[in-house]
Amino acid sequence: MSSTRVSMGDMRFPPRIARVGALGALTAVLLAGGPALATASADPAPQQAAVSLSAPAAVGDICYNDLPPEAHETLDLIEQGGPYPYPQDGTVFENREGLLPDQQTGYYHEYTVETPGSDDRGARRIVTGEQDQEDYYTADHYESFDLVDYTC
């Protein structure tokens, strides 16, 4: 059983790859600017829109220090490669909601963030991507995500 947990933990550390490409840039522009950019382009002196390519507009951010203590514990377990308290931890997150940047299946993995007083896994999760410190927190079971900002 522990070898399964170790291999699941190993899935957390695949080679980090760049995920910004032409399609990602186009998606970010459409999500961030959409119709407003069409209006701006009619202007004789068009202005360039500042667009973040790190995540879609639907993803917010949260300071690492503002995460609940249980999220810190989960992030520590991820860095250690487990062992995880639930068998679902480390499994592939499929991004069915489409809120995270589009990636191939297997790019994202999910981990439980304990919810005090809950009789089950609760609604809180950390979803990890392949890039270094690409960790997303959700407190509402995938209805919204915040990219963890480790600089604050």
N, C-alpha and C. Protein backbone atom coordinates (compact mmCIF):
# COMPACT_ATOMS: atom_id res chain seq x y z
N MET A 1 0.82 -1.20 0.00
CA MET A 1 0.00 0.00 0.00
C MET A 1 0.87 1.26 0.00
N SER A 2 1.95 1.24 0.77
CA SER A 2 2.79 2.44 0.82
C SER A 2 3.46 2.70 -0.52
N SER A 3 3.74 1.65 -1.31
CA SER A 3 4.35 1.90 -2.61
C SER A 3 3.40 2.63 -3.53
N THR A 4 2.08 2.39 -3.37
CA THR A 4 1.09 3.13 -4.16
C THR A 4 1.14 4.60 -3.79
N ARG A 5 1.23 4.87 -2.50
CA ARG A 5 1.28 6.27 -2.06
C ARG A 5 2.54 6.95 -2.56
N VAL A 6 3.64 6.23 -2.55
CA VAL A 6 4.89 6.82 -3.02
C VAL A 6 4.79 7.14 -4.50
N SER A 7 4.24 6.22 -5.30
CA SER A 7 4.14 6.49 -6.73
C SER A 7 3.18 7.63 -7.00
N MET A 8 2.11 7.73 -6.20
CA MET A 8 1.19 8.85 -6.37
C MET A 8 1.91 10.15 -6.03
N GLY A 9 2.74 10.11 -4.99
CA GLY A 9 3.50 11.30 -4.63
C GLY A 9 4.50 11.67 -5.71
N ASP A 10 5.09 10.67 -6.35
CA ASP A 10 6.04 10.94 -7.42
C ASP A 10 5.38 11.65 -8.58
N MET A 11 4.08 11.42 -8.79
CA MET A 11 3.36 12.07 -9.88
C MET A 11 3.33 13.58 -9.67
N ARG A 12 3.52 14.05 -8.47
CA ARG A 12 3.48 15.48 -8.15
C ARG A 12 4.69 16.21 -8.71
N PHE A 13 5.78 15.51 -8.98
CA PHE A 13 7.01 16.17 -9.36
C PHE A 13 7.46 15.82 -10.77
N PRO A 14 6.57 15.88 -11.78
CA PRO A 14 7.03 15.64 -13.14
C PRO A 14 7.87 16.83 -13.60
N PRO A 15 8.59 16.68 -14.71
CA PRO A 15 9.38 17.81 -15.20
C PRO A 15 8.48 19.03 -15.39
N ARG A 16 8.98 20.17 -14.97
CA ARG A 16 8.22 21.40 -15.12
C ARG A 16 8.32 21.86 -16.56
N ILE A 17 7.18 22.21 -17.16
CA ILE A 17 7.19 22.63 -18.56
C ILE A 17 6.55 24.00 -18.69
N ALA A 18 6.94 24.73 -19.70
CA ALA A 18 6.32 26.03 -19.97
C ALA A 18 4.94 25.79 -20.54
N ARG A 19 3.97 26.55 -20.08
CA ARG A 19 2.62 26.33 -20.57
C ARG A 19 2.06 27.53 -21.29
N VAL A 20 2.89 28.52 -21.56
CA VAL A 20 2.42 29.69 -22.28
C VAL A 20 2.73 29.48 -23.76
N GLY A 21 1.72 29.50 -24.58
CA GLY A 21 1.88 29.36 -26.01
C GLY A 21 0.87 30.25 -26.70
N ALA A 22 0.80 30.18 -28.00
CA ALA A 22 -0.11 31.03 -28.75
C ALA A 22 -1.55 30.78 -28.35
N LEU A 23 -1.93 29.50 -28.21
CA LEU A 23 -3.30 29.19 -27.83
C LEU A 23 -3.59 29.71 -26.43
N GLY A 24 -2.64 29.54 -25.49
CA GLY A 24 -2.84 30.05 -24.14
C GLY A 24 -2.97 31.56 -24.12
N ALA A 25 -2.17 32.25 -24.93
CA ALA A 25 -2.25 33.71 -25.00
C ALA A 25 -3.59 34.15 -25.56
N LEU A 26 -4.04 33.48 -26.63
CA LEU A 26 -5.33 33.82 -27.22
C LEU A 26 -6.45 33.59 -26.22
N THR A 27 -6.42 32.47 -25.50
CA THR A 27 -7.44 32.18 -24.50
C THR A 27 -7.44 33.24 -23.42
N ALA A 28 -6.26 33.63 -22.95
CA ALA A 28 -6.18 34.64 -21.90
C ALA A 28 -6.73 35.98 -22.37
N VAL A 29 -6.43 36.35 -23.61
CA VAL A 29 -6.95 37.61 -24.15
C VAL A 29 -8.46 37.56 -24.25
N LEU A 30 -8.98 36.46 -24.73
CA LEU A 30 -10.43 36.34 -24.86
C LEU A 30 -11.11 36.36 -23.51
N LEU A 31 -10.52 35.67 -22.52
CA LEU A 31 -11.12 35.66 -21.19
C LEU A 31 -11.00 37.01 -20.51
N ALA A 32 -9.89 37.68 -20.70
CA ALA A 32 -9.67 38.95 -20.01
C ALA A 32 -10.28 40.14 -20.73
N GLY A 33 -10.28 40.11 -22.06
CA GLY A 33 -10.69 41.31 -22.78
C GLY A 33 -11.90 41.15 -23.64
N GLY A 34 -12.06 40.02 -24.29
CA GLY A 34 -13.21 39.73 -25.14
C GLY A 34 -13.68 40.91 -25.96
N PRO A 35 -14.96 41.29 -25.81
CA PRO A 35 -15.55 42.36 -26.60
C PRO A 35 -14.88 43.71 -26.40
N ALA A 36 -14.35 43.96 -25.21
CA ALA A 36 -13.71 45.25 -24.96
C ALA A 36 -12.51 45.45 -25.87
N LEU A 37 -11.79 44.38 -26.19
CA LEU A 37 -10.65 44.51 -27.08
C LEU A 37 -11.09 44.86 -28.49
N ALA A 38 -12.23 44.34 -28.93
CA ALA A 38 -12.74 44.65 -30.26
C ALA A 38 -13.05 46.14 -30.35
N THR A 39 -13.62 46.70 -29.30
CA THR A 39 -13.92 48.13 -29.28
C THR A 39 -12.64 48.94 -29.31
N ALA A 40 -11.66 48.49 -28.52
CA ALA A 40 -10.40 49.24 -28.46
C ALA A 40 -9.69 49.21 -29.80
N SER A 41 -9.81 48.16 -30.58
CA SER A 41 -9.10 48.07 -31.84
C SER A 41 -9.65 49.03 -32.88
N ALA A 42 -10.89 49.50 -32.72
CA ALA A 42 -11.46 50.47 -33.64
C ALA A 42 -10.86 51.86 -33.41
N ASP A 43 -10.26 52.07 -32.26
CA ASP A 43 -9.63 53.33 -31.92
C ASP A 43 -8.43 53.53 -32.86
N PRO A 44 -8.23 54.76 -33.41
CA PRO A 44 -7.11 54.99 -34.30
C PRO A 44 -5.76 54.74 -33.65
N ALA A 45 -5.66 54.89 -32.33
CA ALA A 45 -4.42 54.61 -31.62
C ALA A 45 -4.68 53.48 -30.63
N PRO A 46 -4.70 52.23 -31.11
CA PRO A 46 -5.04 51.12 -30.21
C PRO A 46 -4.03 50.99 -29.08
N GLN A 47 -4.56 50.62 -27.92
CA GLN A 47 -3.72 50.41 -26.75
C GLN A 47 -3.57 48.92 -26.53
N GLN A 48 -2.40 48.50 -26.06
CA GLN A 48 -2.20 47.09 -25.76
C GLN A 48 -2.80 46.79 -24.40
N ALA A 49 -3.53 45.67 -24.33
CA ALA A 49 -4.11 45.24 -23.06
C ALA A 49 -3.07 44.45 -22.28
N ALA A 50 -2.97 44.72 -20.99
CA ALA A 50 -2.09 43.93 -20.13
C ALA A 50 -2.84 42.68 -19.73
N VAL A 51 -2.30 41.53 -20.09
CA VAL A 51 -2.97 40.27 -19.84
C VAL A 51 -2.04 39.34 -19.08
N SER A 52 -2.53 38.75 -18.00
CA SER A 52 -1.76 37.76 -17.28
C SER A 52 -1.96 36.41 -17.94
N LEU A 53 -0.87 35.76 -18.30
CA LEU A 53 -0.96 34.47 -18.95
C LEU A 53 -0.84 33.33 -17.96
N SER A 54 -0.73 33.62 -16.67
CA SER A 54 -0.52 32.56 -15.70
C SER A 54 -1.79 31.81 -15.35
N ALA A 55 -2.96 32.41 -15.51
CA ALA A 55 -4.20 31.73 -15.17
C ALA A 55 -5.37 32.46 -15.81
N PRO A 56 -6.47 31.75 -16.07
CA PRO A 56 -7.64 32.41 -16.63
C PRO A 56 -8.20 33.43 -15.65
N ALA A 57 -9.05 34.32 -16.15
CA ALA A 57 -9.64 35.36 -15.33
C ALA A 57 -10.46 34.78 -14.19
N ALA A 58 -10.94 33.55 -14.32
CA ALA A 58 -11.78 32.92 -13.30
C ALA A 58 -10.98 32.51 -12.07
N VAL A 59 -9.66 32.51 -12.15
CA VAL A 59 -8.82 32.10 -11.03
C VAL A 59 -8.32 33.34 -10.32
N GLY A 60 -8.56 33.40 -9.01
CA GLY A 60 -8.05 34.49 -8.21
C GLY A 60 -6.69 34.12 -7.67
N ASP A 61 -6.27 34.80 -6.62
CA ASP A 61 -5.05 34.42 -5.95
C ASP A 61 -5.23 34.58 -4.46
N ILE A 62 -4.43 33.85 -3.72
CA ILE A 62 -4.48 33.91 -2.26
C ILE A 62 -3.06 33.85 -1.74
N CYS A 63 -2.79 34.68 -0.79
CA CYS A 63 -1.47 34.69 -0.16
C CYS A 63 -1.28 33.40 0.63
N TYR A 64 -0.12 32.82 0.52
CA TYR A 64 0.20 31.59 1.26
C TYR A 64 -0.13 31.75 2.74
N ASN A 65 0.19 32.90 3.31
CA ASN A 65 -0.04 33.14 4.73
C ASN A 65 -1.53 33.25 5.08
N ASP A 66 -2.39 33.47 4.08
CA ASP A 66 -3.82 33.58 4.33
C ASP A 66 -4.55 32.24 4.21
N LEU A 67 -3.85 31.20 3.80
CA LEU A 67 -4.46 29.88 3.73
C LEU A 67 -4.76 29.36 5.13
N PRO A 68 -5.79 28.53 5.27
CA PRO A 68 -6.04 27.93 6.59
C PRO A 68 -4.89 26.99 6.96
N PRO A 69 -4.67 26.76 8.25
CA PRO A 69 -3.56 25.90 8.68
C PRO A 69 -3.61 24.51 8.05
N GLU A 70 -4.79 23.99 7.82
CA GLU A 70 -4.93 22.66 7.23
C GLU A 70 -4.40 22.62 5.79
N ALA A 71 -4.50 23.74 5.07
CA ALA A 71 -3.95 23.81 3.71
C ALA A 71 -2.42 23.77 3.77
N HIS A 72 -1.83 24.42 4.77
CA HIS A 72 -0.38 24.37 4.96
C HIS A 72 0.05 22.92 5.21
N GLU A 73 -0.73 22.19 6.02
CA GLU A 73 -0.41 20.79 6.30
C GLU A 73 -0.47 19.97 5.00
N THR A 74 -1.48 20.21 4.18
CA THR A 74 -1.61 19.48 2.91
C THR A 74 -0.45 19.80 1.99
N LEU A 75 -0.08 21.06 1.87
CA LEU A 75 1.05 21.44 1.02
C LEU A 75 2.35 20.80 1.51
N ASP A 76 2.52 20.70 2.83
CA ASP A 76 3.70 20.03 3.38
C ASP A 76 3.71 18.55 3.00
N LEU A 77 2.55 17.90 3.09
CA LEU A 77 2.46 16.48 2.70
C LEU A 77 2.79 16.29 1.22
N ILE A 78 2.32 17.22 0.39
CA ILE A 78 2.59 17.13 -1.05
C ILE A 78 4.10 17.22 -1.29
N GLU A 79 4.76 18.16 -0.63
CA GLU A 79 6.20 18.32 -0.79
C GLU A 79 6.96 17.07 -0.32
N GLN A 80 6.43 16.41 0.71
CA GLN A 80 7.07 15.20 1.24
C GLN A 80 6.72 13.96 0.42
N GLY A 81 5.72 14.06 -0.46
CA GLY A 81 5.29 12.90 -1.24
C GLY A 81 4.37 11.97 -0.47
N GLY A 82 3.71 12.47 0.58
CA GLY A 82 2.78 11.67 1.36
C GLY A 82 3.44 11.20 2.64
N PRO A 83 2.80 10.28 3.34
CA PRO A 83 1.55 9.59 3.00
C PRO A 83 0.35 10.51 3.20
N TYR A 84 -0.69 10.25 2.42
CA TYR A 84 -1.89 11.08 2.41
C TYR A 84 -3.01 10.40 3.20
N PRO A 85 -3.87 11.20 3.83
CA PRO A 85 -4.92 10.62 4.68
C PRO A 85 -6.08 9.97 3.90
N TYR A 86 -6.25 10.29 2.63
CA TYR A 86 -7.36 9.76 1.85
C TYR A 86 -6.85 9.09 0.58
N PRO A 87 -7.47 7.99 0.18
CA PRO A 87 -7.00 7.30 -1.03
C PRO A 87 -7.15 8.14 -2.30
N GLN A 88 -8.04 9.13 -2.30
CA GLN A 88 -8.23 9.98 -3.47
C GLN A 88 -7.10 11.00 -3.64
N ASP A 89 -6.36 11.24 -2.58
CA ASP A 89 -5.29 12.24 -2.63
C ASP A 89 -4.20 11.81 -3.62
N GLY A 90 -3.82 12.74 -4.48
CA GLY A 90 -2.81 12.48 -5.50
C GLY A 90 -3.38 11.99 -6.81
N THR A 91 -4.71 11.83 -6.88
CA THR A 91 -5.31 11.36 -8.12
C THR A 91 -5.43 12.52 -9.12
N VAL A 92 -5.63 12.16 -10.37
CA VAL A 92 -5.72 13.16 -11.44
C VAL A 92 -6.98 14.00 -11.26
N PHE A 93 -6.80 15.31 -11.33
CA PHE A 93 -7.91 16.26 -11.35
C PHE A 93 -8.16 16.60 -12.81
N GLU A 94 -9.38 16.40 -13.28
CA GLU A 94 -9.68 16.53 -14.71
C GLU A 94 -10.12 17.92 -15.16
N ASN A 95 -10.28 18.86 -14.26
CA ASN A 95 -10.64 20.23 -14.62
C ASN A 95 -11.94 20.29 -15.43
N ARG A 96 -12.91 19.47 -15.05
CA ARG A 96 -14.20 19.44 -15.76
C ARG A 96 -14.90 20.79 -15.73
N GLU A 97 -14.66 21.56 -14.67
CA GLU A 97 -15.29 22.88 -14.54
C GLU A 97 -14.69 23.88 -15.51
N GLY A 98 -13.49 23.59 -16.00
CA GLY A 98 -12.83 24.47 -16.96
C GLY A 98 -12.33 25.77 -16.37
N LEU A 99 -12.17 25.85 -15.06
CA LEU A 99 -11.73 27.09 -14.43
C LEU A 99 -10.22 27.26 -14.43
N LEU A 100 -9.48 26.15 -14.43
CA LEU A 100 -8.03 26.22 -14.47
C LEU A 100 -7.57 26.27 -15.92
N PRO A 101 -6.34 26.71 -16.17
CA PRO A 101 -5.85 26.75 -17.55
C PRO A 101 -5.94 25.35 -18.19
N ASP A 102 -6.33 25.31 -19.46
CA ASP A 102 -6.45 24.04 -20.17
C ASP A 102 -5.10 23.35 -20.25
N GLN A 103 -5.09 22.08 -19.88
CA GLN A 103 -3.89 21.26 -19.95
C GLN A 103 -4.31 19.83 -20.29
N GLN A 104 -3.34 19.01 -20.66
CA GLN A 104 -3.62 17.63 -20.98
C GLN A 104 -4.04 16.88 -19.71
N THR A 105 -4.78 15.79 -19.89
CA THR A 105 -5.18 14.95 -18.77
C THR A 105 -3.94 14.45 -18.05
N GLY A 106 -3.95 14.54 -16.74
CA GLY A 106 -2.82 14.11 -15.94
C GLY A 106 -1.94 15.25 -15.47
N TYR A 107 -2.20 16.45 -15.97
CA TYR A 107 -1.40 17.62 -15.60
C TYR A 107 -1.68 18.05 -14.16
N TYR A 108 -2.96 17.98 -13.75
CA TYR A 108 -3.38 18.42 -12.42
C TYR A 108 -3.65 17.22 -11.51
N HIS A 109 -3.35 17.39 -10.21
CA HIS A 109 -3.65 16.38 -9.21
C HIS A 109 -4.31 17.06 -8.02
N GLU A 110 -5.19 16.33 -7.34
CA GLU A 110 -5.93 16.93 -6.23
C GLU A 110 -5.59 16.28 -4.90
N TYR A 111 -5.70 17.10 -3.84
CA TYR A 111 -5.38 16.67 -2.49
C TYR A 111 -6.39 17.28 -1.54
N THR A 112 -6.78 16.52 -0.53
CA THR A 112 -7.75 16.96 0.46
C THR A 112 -7.12 17.95 1.43
N VAL A 113 -7.87 19.01 1.73
CA VAL A 113 -7.53 19.91 2.83
C VAL A 113 -8.58 19.64 3.90
N GLU A 114 -8.14 19.13 5.03
CA GLU A 114 -9.06 18.78 6.11
C GLU A 114 -9.98 19.96 6.45
N THR A 115 -11.23 19.64 6.73
CA THR A 115 -12.21 20.64 7.15
C THR A 115 -12.63 20.30 8.58
N PRO A 116 -12.22 21.10 9.56
CA PRO A 116 -12.58 20.81 10.95
C PRO A 116 -14.10 20.67 11.11
N GLY A 117 -14.51 19.61 11.81
CA GLY A 117 -15.92 19.38 12.07
C GLY A 117 -16.65 18.64 10.97
N SER A 118 -16.01 18.38 9.84
CA SER A 118 -16.67 17.67 8.74
C SER A 118 -16.58 16.16 8.96
N ASP A 119 -17.66 15.45 8.65
CA ASP A 119 -17.69 13.99 8.78
C ASP A 119 -17.06 13.29 7.58
N ASP A 120 -16.80 14.05 6.51
CA ASP A 120 -16.20 13.45 5.32
C ASP A 120 -15.01 14.30 4.88
N ARG A 121 -14.60 14.20 3.64
CA ARG A 121 -13.44 14.95 3.16
C ARG A 121 -13.68 16.46 3.15
N GLY A 122 -14.91 16.88 3.19
CA GLY A 122 -15.20 18.30 3.13
C GLY A 122 -15.05 18.84 1.73
N ALA A 123 -15.09 20.16 1.58
CA ALA A 123 -15.10 20.80 0.26
C ALA A 123 -13.74 21.39 -0.12
N ARG A 124 -12.81 21.44 0.79
CA ARG A 124 -11.55 22.14 0.54
C ARG A 124 -10.52 21.21 -0.11
N ARG A 125 -9.80 21.75 -1.12
CA ARG A 125 -8.80 20.97 -1.83
C ARG A 125 -7.63 21.87 -2.24
N ILE A 126 -6.50 21.22 -2.46
CA ILE A 126 -5.37 21.80 -3.17
C ILE A 126 -5.29 21.04 -4.48
N VAL A 127 -5.21 21.76 -5.59
CA VAL A 127 -4.99 21.15 -6.90
C VAL A 127 -3.64 21.65 -7.39
N THR A 128 -2.78 20.72 -7.74
CA THR A 128 -1.43 21.08 -8.17
C THR A 128 -1.28 20.92 -9.68
N GLY A 129 -0.45 21.76 -10.26
CA GLY A 129 -0.05 21.63 -11.65
C GLY A 129 1.38 21.17 -11.70
N GLU A 130 1.96 21.13 -12.89
CA GLU A 130 3.32 20.62 -13.05
C GLU A 130 4.40 21.65 -12.81
N GLN A 131 4.07 22.94 -12.90
CA GLN A 131 5.10 23.96 -12.68
C GLN A 131 5.39 24.10 -11.19
N ASP A 132 6.59 24.57 -10.88
CA ASP A 132 6.97 24.80 -9.51
C ASP A 132 6.03 25.81 -8.87
N GLN A 133 5.52 25.48 -7.70
CA GLN A 133 4.60 26.32 -6.93
C GLN A 133 3.33 26.66 -7.70
N GLU A 134 2.89 25.76 -8.55
CA GLU A 134 1.61 25.92 -9.24
C GLU A 134 0.55 25.14 -8.45
N ASP A 135 0.10 25.78 -7.37
CA ASP A 135 -0.85 25.17 -6.46
C ASP A 135 -2.08 26.05 -6.36
N TYR A 136 -3.23 25.43 -6.51
CA TYR A 136 -4.50 26.14 -6.47
C TYR A 136 -5.28 25.67 -5.25
N TYR A 137 -5.93 26.62 -4.56
CA TYR A 137 -6.74 26.30 -3.39
C TYR A 137 -8.21 26.54 -3.74
N THR A 138 -9.07 25.60 -3.34
CA THR A 138 -10.50 25.80 -3.46
C THR A 138 -11.14 25.47 -2.12
N ALA A 139 -11.98 26.36 -1.64
CA ALA A 139 -12.70 26.15 -0.38
C ALA A 139 -14.12 25.69 -0.64
N ASP A 140 -14.53 25.67 -1.93
CA ASP A 140 -15.93 25.39 -2.27
C ASP A 140 -16.08 24.26 -3.29
N HIS A 141 -15.23 23.26 -3.18
CA HIS A 141 -15.28 22.06 -4.02
C HIS A 141 -15.35 22.39 -5.50
N TYR A 142 -14.35 23.10 -5.98
CA TYR A 142 -14.10 23.37 -7.39
C TYR A 142 -15.03 24.42 -8.01
N GLU A 143 -15.77 25.17 -7.22
CA GLU A 143 -16.58 26.24 -7.80
C GLU A 143 -15.74 27.47 -8.08
N SER A 144 -14.63 27.62 -7.35
CA SER A 144 -13.69 28.71 -7.58
C SER A 144 -12.30 28.25 -7.14
N PHE A 145 -11.29 28.88 -7.70
CA PHE A 145 -9.91 28.54 -7.37
C PHE A 145 -9.11 29.81 -7.14
N ASP A 146 -8.14 29.71 -6.24
CA ASP A 146 -7.17 30.76 -6.02
C ASP A 146 -5.78 30.17 -6.18
N LEU A 147 -4.95 30.78 -7.01
CA LEU A 147 -3.56 30.38 -7.15
C LEU A 147 -2.81 30.84 -5.91
N VAL A 148 -2.08 29.94 -5.29
CA VAL A 148 -1.36 30.26 -4.06
C VAL A 148 -0.16 31.13 -4.41
N ASP A 149 -0.09 32.30 -3.78
CA ASP A 149 1.02 33.24 -3.98
C ASP A 149 2.01 33.03 -2.83
N TYR A 150 3.18 32.49 -3.15
CA TYR A 150 4.17 32.18 -2.13
C TYR A 150 5.05 33.38 -1.79
N THR A 151 4.85 34.52 -2.44
CA THR A 151 5.71 35.67 -2.19
C THR A 151 5.20 36.57 -1.08
N CYS A 152 4.04 36.25 -0.52
CA CYS A 152 3.52 37.13 0.54
C CYS A 152 3.28 36.35 1.82
